[in-house]
Structures are given as C-alpha cells and as structure tokens.
PDB file of N, CA and C in Angstrom:
ATOM      1  N   MET A   1       1.219  -9.625 -12.717  1.00  0.00           N
ATOM      2  CA  MET A   1       2.381  -9.580 -11.833  1.00  0.00           C
ATOM      3  C   MET A   1       1.955  -9.062 -10.470  1.00  0.00           C
ATOM      4  N   ASN A   2       2.471  -9.666  -9.454  1.00  0.00           N
ATOM      5  CA  ASN A   2       2.219  -9.206  -8.098  1.00  0.00           C
ATOM      6  C   ASN A   2       3.363  -8.289  -7.675  1.00  0.00           C
ATOM      7  N   HIS A   3       3.055  -7.025  -7.518  1.00  0.00           N
ATOM      8  CA  HIS A   3       4.087  -6.035  -7.185  1.00  0.00           C
ATOM      9  C   HIS A   3       4.225  -5.802  -5.692  1.00  0.00           C
ATOM     10  N   SER A   4       3.435  -6.484  -4.867  1.00  0.00           N
ATOM     11  CA  SER A   4       3.386  -6.172  -3.439  1.00  0.00           C
ATOM     12  C   SER A   4       4.701  -6.403  -2.701  1.00  0.00           C
ATOM     13  N   ASN A   5       5.552  -7.283  -3.186  1.00  0.00           N
ATOM     14  CA  ASN A   5       6.839  -7.489  -2.518  1.00  0.00           C
ATOM     15  C   ASN A   5       7.960  -6.678  -3.179  1.00  0.00           C
ATOM     16  N   ILE A   6       7.638  -6.002  -4.271  1.00  0.00           N
ATOM     17  CA  ILE A   6       8.645  -5.204  -4.981  1.00  0.00           C
ATOM     18  C   ILE A   6       8.451  -3.715  -4.707  1.00  0.00           C
ATOM     19  N   ILE A   7       7.210  -3.258  -4.731  1.00  0.00           N
ATOM     20  CA  ILE A   7       6.909  -1.845  -4.490  1.00  0.00           C
ATOM     21  C   ILE A   7       6.506  -1.693  -3.031  1.00  0.00           C
ATOM     22  N   VAL A   8       7.234  -0.841  -2.329  1.00  0.00           N
ATOM     23  CA  VAL A   8       6.988  -0.622  -0.907  1.00  0.00           C
ATOM     24  C   VAL A   8       6.944   0.874  -0.621  1.00  0.00           C
ATOM     25  N   SER A   9       6.499   1.195   0.574  1.00  0.00           N
ATOM     26  CA  SER A   9       6.444   2.589   0.982  1.00  0.00           C
ATOM     27  C   SER A   9       6.637   2.659   2.492  1.00  0.00           C
ATOM     28  N   SER A  10       7.460   3.590   2.923  1.00  0.00           N
ATOM     29  CA  SER A  10       7.603   3.870   4.345  1.00  0.00           C
ATOM     30  C   SER A  10       7.912   5.350   4.495  1.00  0.00           C
ATOM     31  N   LYS A  11       7.287   5.960   5.481  1.00  0.00           N
ATOM     32  CA  LYS A  11       7.395   7.415   5.606  1.00  0.00           C
ATOM     33  C   LYS A  11       8.814   7.906   5.849  1.00  0.00           C
ATOM     34  N   GLU A  12       9.695   7.021   6.288  1.00  0.00           N
ATOM     35  CA  GLU A  12      11.070   7.422   6.575  1.00  0.00           C
ATOM     36  C   GLU A  12      11.943   7.530   5.313  1.00  0.00           C
ATOM     37  N   ILE A  13      11.506   6.946   4.227  1.00  0.00           N
ATOM     38  CA  ILE A  13      12.315   6.920   3.001  1.00  0.00           C
ATOM     39  C   ILE A  13      11.559   7.636   1.895  1.00  0.00           C
ATOM     40  N   ILE A  14      12.205   8.599   1.289  1.00  0.00           N
ATOM     41  CA  ILE A  14      11.671   9.492   0.245  1.00  0.00           C
ATOM     42  C   ILE A  14      10.223   9.928   0.520  1.00  0.00           C
ATOM     43  N   PHE A  15       9.998  10.342   1.769  1.00  0.00           N
ATOM     44  CA  PHE A  15       8.734  10.940   2.189  1.00  0.00           C
ATOM     45  C   PHE A  15       7.535  10.019   1.978  1.00  0.00           C
ATOM     46  N   GLY A  16       7.766   8.706   1.983  1.00  0.00           N
ATOM     47  CA  GLY A  16       6.668   7.756   1.857  1.00  0.00           C
ATOM     48  C   GLY A  16       6.227   7.465   0.440  1.00  0.00           C
ATOM     49  N   LYS A  17       6.928   8.027  -0.540  1.00  0.00           N
ATOM     50  CA  LYS A  17       6.558   7.736  -1.926  1.00  0.00           C
ATOM     51  C   LYS A  17       6.777   6.247  -2.202  1.00  0.00           C
ATOM     52  N   PRO A  18       5.920   5.648  -3.026  1.00  0.00           N
ATOM     53  CA  PRO A  18       6.144   4.249  -3.397  1.00  0.00           C
ATOM     54  C   PRO A  18       7.487   4.119  -4.113  1.00  0.00           C
ATOM     55  N   ARG A  19       8.233   3.095  -3.737  1.00  0.00           N
ATOM     56  CA  ARG A  19       9.584   2.912  -4.281  1.00  0.00           C
ATOM     57  C   ARG A  19       9.864   1.430  -4.464  1.00  0.00           C
ATOM     58  N   ILE A  20      10.946   1.149  -5.157  1.00  0.00           N
ATOM     59  CA  ILE A  20      11.376  -0.227  -5.361  1.00  0.00           C
ATOM     60  C   ILE A  20      12.085  -0.685  -4.096  1.00  0.00           C
ATOM     61  N   ASN A  21      11.659  -1.810  -3.576  1.00  0.00           N
ATOM     62  CA  ASN A  21      12.183  -2.347  -2.323  1.00  0.00           C
ATOM     63  C   ASN A  21      13.716  -2.438  -2.368  1.00  0.00           C
ATOM     64  N   GLY A  22      14.344  -2.002  -1.285  1.00  0.00           N
ATOM     65  CA  GLY A  22      15.796  -2.053  -1.181  1.00  0.00           C
ATOM     66  C   GLY A  22      16.513  -0.901  -1.857  1.00  0.00           C
ATOM     67  N   THR A  23      15.735   0.057  -2.394  1.00  0.00           N
ATOM     68  CA  THR A  23      16.334   1.207  -3.077  1.00  0.00           C
ATOM     69  C   THR A  23      15.644   2.490  -2.617  1.00  0.00           C
ATOM     70  N   ARG A  24      16.158   3.598  -3.110  1.00  0.00           N
ATOM     71  CA  ARG A  24      15.501   4.887  -2.934  1.00  0.00           C
ATOM     72  C   ARG A  24      14.973   5.367  -4.283  1.00  0.00           C
ATOM     73  N   ILE A  25      14.728   4.436  -5.188  1.00  0.00           N
ATOM     74  CA  ILE A  25      14.240   4.747  -6.527  1.00  0.00           C
ATOM     75  C   ILE A  25      12.712   4.654  -6.504  1.00  0.00           C
ATOM     76  N   SER A  26      12.062   5.784  -6.777  1.00  0.00           N
ATOM     77  CA  SER A  26      10.606   5.831  -6.684  1.00  0.00           C
ATOM     78  C   SER A  26       9.948   5.311  -7.960  1.00  0.00           C
ATOM     79  N   VAL A  27       8.711   4.866  -7.787  1.00  0.00           N
ATOM     80  CA  VAL A  27       7.891   4.469  -8.932  1.00  0.00           C
ATOM     81  C   VAL A  27       7.772   5.660  -9.881  1.00  0.00           C
ATOM     82  N   GLN A  28       7.580   6.832  -9.328  1.00  0.00           N
ATOM     83  CA  GLN A  28       7.450   8.050 -10.124  1.00  0.00           C
ATOM     84  C   GLN A  28       8.681   8.263 -11.012  1.00  0.00           C
ATOM     85  N   GLN A  29       9.865   8.029 -10.463  1.00  0.00           N
ATOM     86  CA  GLN A  29      11.097   8.208 -11.232  1.00  0.00           C
ATOM     87  C   GLN A  29      11.151   7.230 -12.401  1.00  0.00           C
ATOM     88  N   ILE A  30      10.781   5.988 -12.165  1.00  0.00           N
ATOM     89  CA  ILE A  30      10.794   4.990 -13.236  1.00  0.00           C
ATOM     90  C   ILE A  30       9.769   5.343 -14.307  1.00  0.00           C
ATOM     91  N   LEU A  31       8.575   5.755 -13.893  1.00  0.00           N
ATOM     92  CA  LEU A  31       7.555   6.140 -14.866  1.00  0.00           C
ATOM     93  C   LEU A  31       7.991   7.360 -15.677  1.00  0.00           C
ATOM     94  N   ALA A  32       8.703   8.273 -15.033  1.00  0.00           N
ATOM     95  CA  ALA A  32       9.216   9.445 -15.759  1.00  0.00           C
ATOM     96  C   ALA A  32      10.223   9.021 -16.820  1.00  0.00           C
ATOM     97  N   TYR A  33      11.125   8.108 -16.474  1.00  0.00           N
ATOM     98  CA  TYR A  33      12.074   7.587 -17.473  1.00  0.00           C
ATOM     99  C   TYR A  33      11.320   6.990 -18.656  1.00  0.00           C
ATOM    100  N   LEU A  34      10.334   6.162 -18.358  1.00  0.00           N
ATOM    101  CA  LEU A  34       9.588   5.502 -19.426  1.00  0.00           C
ATOM    102  C   LEU A  34       8.843   6.513 -20.291  1.00  0.00           C
ATOM    103  N   SER A  35       8.255   7.521 -19.667  1.00  0.00           N
ATOM    104  CA  SER A  35       7.506   8.516 -20.441  1.00  0.00           C
ATOM    105  C   SER A  35       8.423   9.373 -21.311  1.00  0.00           C
ATOM    106  N   GLN A  36       9.701   9.441 -20.936  1.00  0.00           N
ATOM    107  CA  GLN A  36      10.680  10.182 -21.740  1.00  0.00           C
ATOM    108  C   GLN A  36      11.277   9.315 -22.840  1.00  0.00           C
ATOM    109  N   GLY A  37      10.842   8.068 -22.911  1.00  0.00           N
ATOM    110  CA  GLY A  37      11.279   7.203 -23.997  1.00  0.00           C
ATOM    111  C   GLY A  37      12.455   6.302 -23.695  1.00  0.00           C
ATOM    112  N   TYR A  38      12.912   6.279 -22.448  1.00  0.00           N
ATOM    113  CA  TYR A  38      14.026   5.404 -22.099  1.00  0.00           C
ATOM    114  C   TYR A  38      13.560   3.946 -22.099  1.00  0.00           C
ATOM    115  N   SER A  39      14.406   3.067 -22.568  1.00  0.00           N
ATOM    116  CA  SER A  39      14.099   1.642 -22.581  1.00  0.00           C
ATOM    117  C   SER A  39      14.406   1.031 -21.217  1.00  0.00           C
ATOM    118  N   PHE A  40      13.914  -0.183 -21.016  1.00  0.00           N
ATOM    119  CA  PHE A  40      14.234  -0.907 -19.783  1.00  0.00           C
ATOM    120  C   PHE A  40      15.751  -1.016 -19.631  1.00  0.00           C
ATOM    121  N   ASN A  41      16.427  -1.372 -20.713  1.00  0.00           N
ATOM    122  CA  ASN A  41      17.891  -1.536 -20.653  1.00  0.00           C
ATOM    123  C   ASN A  41      18.591  -0.239 -20.267  1.00  0.00           C
ATOM    124  N   GLU A  42      18.124   0.884 -20.801  1.00  0.00           N
ATOM    125  CA  GLU A  42      18.738   2.165 -20.455  1.00  0.00           C
ATOM    126  C   GLU A  42      18.518   2.495 -18.973  1.00  0.00           C
ATOM    127  N   ILE A  43      17.324   2.230 -18.480  1.00  0.00           N
ATOM    128  CA  ILE A  43      17.036   2.492 -17.064  1.00  0.00           C
ATOM    129  C   ILE A  43      17.932   1.621 -16.187  1.00  0.00           C
ATOM    130  N   ILE A  44      18.111   0.376 -16.577  1.00  0.00           N
ATOM    131  CA  ILE A  44      18.971  -0.530 -15.815  1.00  0.00           C
ATOM    132  C   ILE A  44      20.436  -0.086 -15.896  1.00  0.00           C
ATOM    133  N   GLU A  45      20.840   0.517 -16.994  1.00  0.00           N
ATOM    134  CA  GLU A  45      22.195   1.084 -17.079  1.00  0.00           C
ATOM    135  C   GLU A  45      22.357   2.226 -16.080  1.00  0.00           C
ATOM    136  N   PHE A  46      21.310   3.060 -15.922  1.00  0.00           N
ATOM    137  CA  PHE A  46      21.356   4.160 -14.952  1.00  0.00           C
ATOM    138  C   PHE A  46      21.373   3.630 -13.519  1.00  0.00           C
ATOM    139  N   HIS A  47      20.660   2.537 -13.311  1.00  0.00           N
ATOM    140  CA  HIS A  47      20.483   1.964 -11.963  1.00  0.00           C
ATOM    141  C   HIS A  47      20.734   0.461 -12.035  1.00  0.00           C
ATOM    142  N   PRO A  48      21.997   0.047 -12.033  1.00  0.00           N
ATOM    143  CA  PRO A  48      22.324  -1.376 -12.208  1.00  0.00           C
ATOM    144  C   PRO A  48      21.743  -2.311 -11.149  1.00  0.00           C
ATOM    145  N   GLU A  49      21.299  -1.763 -10.024  1.00  0.00           N
ATOM    146  CA  GLU A  49      20.704  -2.606  -8.992  1.00  0.00           C
ATOM    147  C   GLU A  49      19.290  -3.071  -9.363  1.00  0.00           C
ATOM    148  N   LEU A  50      18.722  -2.476 -10.409  1.00  0.00           N
ATOM    149  CA  LEU A  50      17.375  -2.844 -10.833  1.00  0.00           C
ATOM    150  C   LEU A  50      17.378  -4.044 -11.769  1.00  0.00           C
ATOM    151  N   LYS A  51      16.251  -4.711 -11.766  1.00  0.00           N
ATOM    152  CA  LYS A  51      15.990  -5.811 -12.696  1.00  0.00           C
ATOM    153  C   LYS A  51      14.775  -5.419 -13.534  1.00  0.00           C
ATOM    154  N   GLU A  52      14.609  -6.101 -14.648  1.00  0.00           N
ATOM    155  CA  GLU A  52      13.463  -5.832 -15.499  1.00  0.00           C
ATOM    156  C   GLU A  52      12.153  -5.986 -14.720  1.00  0.00           C
ATOM    157  N   ARG A  53      12.095  -6.968 -13.841  1.00  0.00           N
ATOM    158  CA  ARG A  53      10.875  -7.205 -13.054  1.00  0.00           C
ATOM    159  C   ARG A  53      10.537  -6.006 -12.175  1.00  0.00           C
ATOM    160  N   ASP A  54      11.544  -5.250 -11.720  1.00  0.00           N
ATOM    161  CA  ASP A  54      11.302  -4.057 -10.905  1.00  0.00           C
ATOM    162  C   ASP A  54      10.580  -2.987 -11.726  1.00  0.00           C
ATOM    163  N   ILE A  55      11.012  -2.808 -12.953  1.00  0.00           N
ATOM    164  CA  ILE A  55      10.405  -1.807 -13.836  1.00  0.00           C
ATOM    165  C   ILE A  55       8.985  -2.231 -14.182  1.00  0.00           C
ATOM    166  N   LYS A  56       8.795  -3.505 -14.477  1.00  0.00           N
ATOM    167  CA  LYS A  56       7.454  -4.010 -14.764  1.00  0.00           C
ATOM    168  C   LYS A  56       6.544  -3.855 -13.561  1.00  0.00           C
ATOM    169  N   ALA A  57       7.092  -4.040 -12.368  1.00  0.00           N
ATOM    170  CA  ALA A  57       6.292  -3.868 -11.148  1.00  0.00           C
ATOM    171  C   ALA A  57       5.831  -2.424 -11.001  1.00  0.00           C
ATOM    172  N   CYS A  58       6.656  -1.465 -11.390  1.00  0.00           N
ATOM    173  CA  CYS A  58       6.268  -0.050 -11.345  1.00  0.00           C
ATOM    174  C   CYS A  58       5.090   0.207 -12.282  1.00  0.00           C
ATOM    175  N   ILE A  59       5.154  -0.361 -13.465  1.00  0.00           N
ATOM    176  CA  ILE A  59       4.056  -0.198 -14.429  1.00  0.00           C
ATOM    177  C   ILE A  59       2.786  -0.837 -13.889  1.00  0.00           C
ATOM    178  N   ASP A  60       2.913  -2.028 -13.331  1.00  0.00           N
ATOM    179  CA  ASP A  60       1.767  -2.737 -12.775  1.00  0.00           C
ATOM    180  C   ASP A  60       1.173  -1.957 -11.607  1.00  0.00           C
ATOM    181  N   TYR A  61       2.020  -1.404 -10.771  1.00  0.00           N
ATOM    182  CA  TYR A  61       1.558  -0.601  -9.638  1.00  0.00           C
ATOM    183  C   TYR A  61       0.760   0.603 -10.143  1.00  0.00           C
ATOM    184  N   ALA A  62       1.288   1.301 -11.128  1.00  0.00           N
ATOM    185  CA  ALA A  62       0.592   2.466 -11.686  1.00  0.00           C
ATOM    186  C   ALA A  62      -0.737   2.048 -12.310  1.00  0.00           C
ATOM    187  N   ASN A  63      -0.743   0.928 -12.996  1.00  0.00           N
ATOM    188  CA  ASN A  63      -1.976   0.422 -13.597  1.00  0.00           C
ATOM    189  C   ASN A  63      -3.025   0.142 -12.518  1.00  0.00           C
ATOM    190  N   ASP A  64      -2.609  -0.483 -11.435  1.00  0.00           N
ATOM    191  CA  ASP A  64      -3.544  -0.765 -10.345  1.00  0.00           C
ATOM    192  C   ASP A  64      -4.116   0.527  -9.750  1.00  0.00           C
ATOM    193  N   LEU A  65      -3.275   1.552  -9.618  1.00  0.00           N
ATOM    194  CA  LEU A  65      -3.760   2.828  -9.086  1.00  0.00           C
ATOM    195  C   LEU A  65      -4.813   3.445  -9.995  1.00  0.00           C
ATOM    196  N   VAL A  66      -4.515   3.467 -11.284  1.00  0.00           N
ATOM    197  CA  VAL A  66      -5.450   4.057 -12.247  1.00  0.00           C
ATOM    198  C   VAL A  66      -6.732   3.231 -12.314  1.00  0.00           C
ATOM    199  N   SER A  67      -6.602   1.930 -12.249  1.00  0.00           N
ATOM    200  CA  SER A  67      -7.779   1.053 -12.319  1.00  0.00           C
ATOM    201  C   SER A  67      -8.682   1.206 -11.108  1.00  0.00           C
ATOM    202  N   SER A  68      -8.124   1.632  -9.992  1.00  0.00           N
ATOM    203  CA  SER A  68      -8.917   1.746  -8.765  1.00  0.00           C
ATOM    204  C   SER A  68      -9.681   3.063  -8.667  1.00  0.00           C
ATOM    205  N   ILE A  69      -9.445   3.978  -9.590  1.00  0.00           N
ATOM    206  CA  ILE A  69     -10.140   5.269  -9.558  1.00  0.00           C
ATOM    207  C   ILE A  69     -11.596   5.064  -9.952  1.00  0.00           C
ATOM    208  N   LYS A  70     -12.468   5.546  -9.121  1.00  0.00           N
ATOM    209  CA  LYS A  70     -13.901   5.462  -9.382  1.00  0.00           C
ATOM    210  C   LYS A  70     -14.393   6.834  -9.827  1.00  0.00           C
ATOM    211  N   ILE A  71     -15.021   6.864 -10.971  1.00  0.00           N
ATOM    212  CA  ILE A  71     -15.578   8.106 -11.491  1.00  0.00           C
ATOM    213  C   ILE A  71     -17.019   8.219 -10.995  1.00  0.00           C
ATOM    214  N   ILE A  72     -17.298   9.307 -10.326  1.00  0.00           N
ATOM    215  CA  ILE A  72     -18.643   9.542  -9.825  1.00  0.00           C
ATOM    216  C   ILE A  72     -19.211  10.728 -10.585  1.00  0.00           C
ATOM    217  N   THR A  73     -20.300  10.474 -11.283  1.00  0.00           N
ATOM    218  CA  THR A  73     -20.929  11.557 -12.013  1.00  0.00           C
ATOM    219  C   THR A  73     -22.203  11.948 -11.287  1.00  0.00           C
ATOM    220  N   PRO A  74     -22.432  13.231 -11.202  1.00  0.00           N
ATOM    221  CA  PRO A  74     -23.648  13.667 -10.518  1.00  0.00           C
ATOM    222  C   PRO A  74     -24.880  13.292 -11.334  1.00  0.00           C
ATOM    223  N   SER A  75     -25.895  12.889 -10.651  1.00  0.00           N
ATOM    224  CA  SER A  75     -27.156  12.621 -11.375  1.00  0.00           C
ATOM    225  C   SER A  75     -28.109  13.756 -11.055  1.00  0.00           C
ATOM    226  N   PHE A  76     -28.629  14.357 -12.071  1.00  0.00           N
ATOM    227  CA  PHE A  76     -29.563  15.450 -11.891  1.00  0.00           C
ATOM    228  C   PHE A  76     -30.583  15.391 -13.014  1.00  0.00           C
ATOM    229  N   LYS A  77     -31.673  15.969 -12.758  1.00  0.00           N
ATOM    230  CA  LYS A  77     -32.744  15.998 -13.742  1.00  0.00           C
ATOM    231  C   LYS A  77     -32.810  17.379 -14.358  1.00  0.00           C
ATOM    232  N   VAL A  78     -33.027  17.404 -15.637  1.00  0.00           N
ATOM    233  CA  VAL A  78     -33.157  18.662 -16.352  1.00  0.00           C
ATOM    234  C   VAL A  78     -34.631  19.049 -16.325  1.00  0.00           C
ATOM    235  N   ALA A  79     -34.876  20.266 -15.883  1.00  0.00           N
ATOM    236  CA  ALA A  79     -36.263  20.767 -15.866  1.00  0.00           C
ATOM    237  C   ALA A  79     -36.684  21.110 -17.275  1.00  0.00           C
ATOM    238  N   HIS A  80     -37.864  20.672 -17.642  1.00  0.00           N
ATOM    239  CA  HIS A  80     -38.399  21.009 -18.978  1.00  0.00           C
ATOM    240  C   HIS A  80     -39.197  22.285 -18.886  1.00  0.00           C
ATOM    241  N   ALA A  81     -39.052  23.103 -19.880  1.00  0.00           N
ATOM    242  CA  ALA A  81     -39.770  24.379 -19.887  1.00  0.00           C
ATOM    243  C   ALA A  81     -41.177  24.236 -20.365  1.00  0.00           C
TER     244      ALA A  81
END
C-alpha cells in the first residue's frame, strides 16, 4: 500500500506528528488503539471519518519506519592474552 497520500505531516497541525490527511488523528493514536486490542471497526466507530484504508496506511507507515532503521554494530578485535 502506498501511504504517501494518506499519511501527512505539517508543523502547524499536532506539532508535525504524522497524521491521517484531512484529520487531526495521528498515526500514533491509531497504533495505540490497535495495540490496546481495538478492531478496525471499533476505531471507525470512534472516528467515523476514517476508512479501513486509513488504518492500514498507519500500519504500513509504521512498518516503513521500522524497516528503515539501520543497526550499526561496532567492530572491534578482542586481544588475546
């Protein structure tokens, strides 16, 4: 899924946090609902302006963020006694 037209950010709205376009609902808020066990339908009941694709876009956005993290491990040599 391409979330680029659904998830937006601007410093004037909710301090620049990523949010669903046309709303003040942050990706963080949707992920919190999901982590608390709320279903897509329940989230949409709380926020009727949302569509299932909006919630999926939040998940996809979070996945892209996590996937972009690069783990850098230090390389060092152990001295032998």
